[in-house]
Protein backbone atom coordinates (compact mmCIF):
# COMPACT_ATOMS: atom_id res chain seq x y z
CA MET A 1 -8.79 20.18 -64.25
CA PRO A 2 -7.07 22.21 -61.50
CA ARG A 3 -10.12 21.59 -59.29
CA LEU A 4 -9.78 17.82 -59.81
CA LYS A 5 -6.08 18.03 -58.96
CA LEU A 6 -6.91 19.97 -55.79
CA LEU A 7 -9.51 17.39 -54.74
CA PHE A 8 -7.06 14.58 -55.42
CA ILE A 9 -4.37 16.24 -53.24
CA ALA A 10 -6.94 16.95 -50.50
CA GLY A 11 -8.03 13.29 -50.62
CA ILE A 12 -4.43 12.08 -50.37
CA LEU A 13 -3.74 14.41 -47.42
CA THR A 14 -6.94 13.26 -45.69
CA ALA A 15 -5.95 9.61 -46.15
CA VAL A 16 -2.48 10.28 -44.76
CA LEU A 17 -3.92 12.11 -41.75
CA ILE A 18 -6.41 9.30 -41.09
CA GLY A 19 -3.52 6.86 -41.34
CA TYR A 20 -1.69 8.74 -38.60
CA VAL A 21 -4.62 8.87 -36.16
CA GLY A 22 -4.30 5.22 -35.04
CA PRO A 23 -0.55 5.27 -34.36
CA VAL A 24 -0.73 8.66 -32.62
CA GLN A 25 -3.58 7.45 -30.44
CA ALA A 26 -1.62 4.29 -29.56
CA TYR A 27 1.42 6.42 -28.75
CA VAL A 28 -0.56 8.63 -26.37
CA GLU A 29 -2.09 5.57 -24.66
CA GLN A 30 1.35 3.96 -24.29
CA ARG A 31 2.75 7.12 -22.72
CA ALA A 32 -0.09 7.14 -20.19
CA GLU A 33 0.51 3.44 -19.45
CA LEU A 34 4.24 4.10 -19.10
CA ALA A 35 3.59 6.86 -16.57
CA HIS A 36 1.32 4.52 -14.60
CA GLN A 37 3.92 1.75 -14.69
CA LYS A 38 6.66 4.14 -13.56
CA ALA A 39 4.53 5.18 -10.58
CA THR A 40 3.89 1.53 -9.72
CA LEU A 41 7.62 0.81 -10.03
CA ALA A 42 8.46 3.67 -7.67
CA GLU A 43 5.98 2.33 -5.09
CA LEU A 44 7.38 -1.19 -5.37
CA GLU A 45 10.96 0.03 -5.07
CA ALA A 46 10.05 1.98 -1.93
CA LYS A 47 8.39 -1.14 -0.50
CA ARG A 48 11.46 -3.22 -1.39
CA ASP A 49 13.76 -0.74 0.34
CA ARG A 50 11.54 -0.73 3.43
CA LEU A 51 11.56 -4.54 3.55
CA LYS A 52 15.33 -4.62 3.10
CA ARG A 53 15.71 -2.26 6.06
CA GLN A 54 13.40 -4.45 8.14
CA ALA A 55 15.34 -7.58 7.18
CA LYS A 56 18.63 -5.88 8.00
CA ALA A 57 17.28 -4.65 11.35
CA SER A 58 16.06 -8.13 12.24
CA ASP A 59 19.65 -9.38 12.14
CA ARG A 60 20.55 -7.17 15.10
CA PRO A 61 20.76 -9.13 18.35
CA ASP A 62 18.58 -6.72 20.33
CA VAL A 63 15.79 -6.92 17.75
CA LEU A 64 16.02 -10.72 17.60
CA GLU A 65 15.84 -10.93 21.38
CA ALA A 66 12.81 -8.64 21.54
CA LYS A 67 10.99 -10.72 18.94
CA ALA A 68 11.87 -13.91 20.79
CA ARG A 69 10.60 -12.45 24.07
CA ASP A 70 7.34 -11.48 22.34
CA LEU A 71 6.98 -15.12 21.31
CA GLY A 72 7.52 -16.21 24.92
CA LEU A 73 10.99 -17.69 24.38
CA ILE A 74 13.64 -17.61 27.07
CA LYS A 75 17.44 -17.77 27.04
CA PRO A 76 19.23 -20.97 28.02
CA GLY A 77 19.58 -21.07 31.78
CA GLU A 78 16.70 -18.68 32.43
CA ARG A 79 13.65 -19.83 34.32
CA ALA A 80 10.20 -19.10 32.94
CA TYR A 81 7.34 -18.16 35.25
CA VAL A 82 3.63 -18.11 34.46
CA ILE A 83 1.51 -15.83 36.61
CA ARG A 84 -2.16 -16.67 36.48
CA GLY A 85 -5.20 -14.77 37.69
CA LEU A 86 -4.00 -11.31 36.79
CA PRO A 87 -6.77 -8.91 35.82
CA ASP A 88 -7.03 -7.93 32.17
CA GLU A 89 -5.03 -4.86 31.30
CA LYS A 90 -7.13 -1.71 31.12
CA PRO A 91 -6.08 1.44 29.30
CA ALA A 92 -4.37 3.89 31.62
CA HIS A 93 -6.64 6.74 30.61
CA ALA A 94 -10.10 5.32 30.04
CA ASP A 95 -12.51 7.66 28.27
CA THR A 96 -15.44 8.13 30.66
CA SER A 97 -17.32 10.55 28.41
CA ASP A 98 -18.93 7.66 26.49
CA ASP A 99 -21.09 5.61 28.82
CA GLY A 100 -22.32 3.20 26.14
CA GLY A 101 -25.66 4.87 25.66
CA LEU A 102 -28.86 3.00 26.47
CA TRP A 103 -27.27 -0.46 26.27
CA GLY A 104 -24.43 0.66 28.56
CA TRP A 105 -26.99 1.90 31.08
CA ILE A 106 -28.94 -1.38 30.88
CA ALA A 107 -25.78 -3.48 31.19
CA GLY A 108 -24.72 -1.41 34.21
CA ARG A 109 -28.01 -2.19 35.92
CA LEU A 110 -27.69 -5.95 35.53
């Protein structure tokens, strides 16, 4: 009889432990997902802050003027000039160590 009682208690404890496996596993998975989501949130908040700084900087008159000049806009009363026939801009310090290999040699001979 005591052996039967012991088996019954062992069976009950095993059932309880098996019952806890699912919730504990879900808890561990949720904690991992939470950590991932927190990392994503931190990245998005940093991006938001960077964009806010950019938006705030674009309200400054000097930044607005520089952007307008890049677009080719002029101030009222200014006169725009177009200069044609200028050579393409070359880098100031061209790397002459790479001659283009065989194709560069062939192209140079044509």
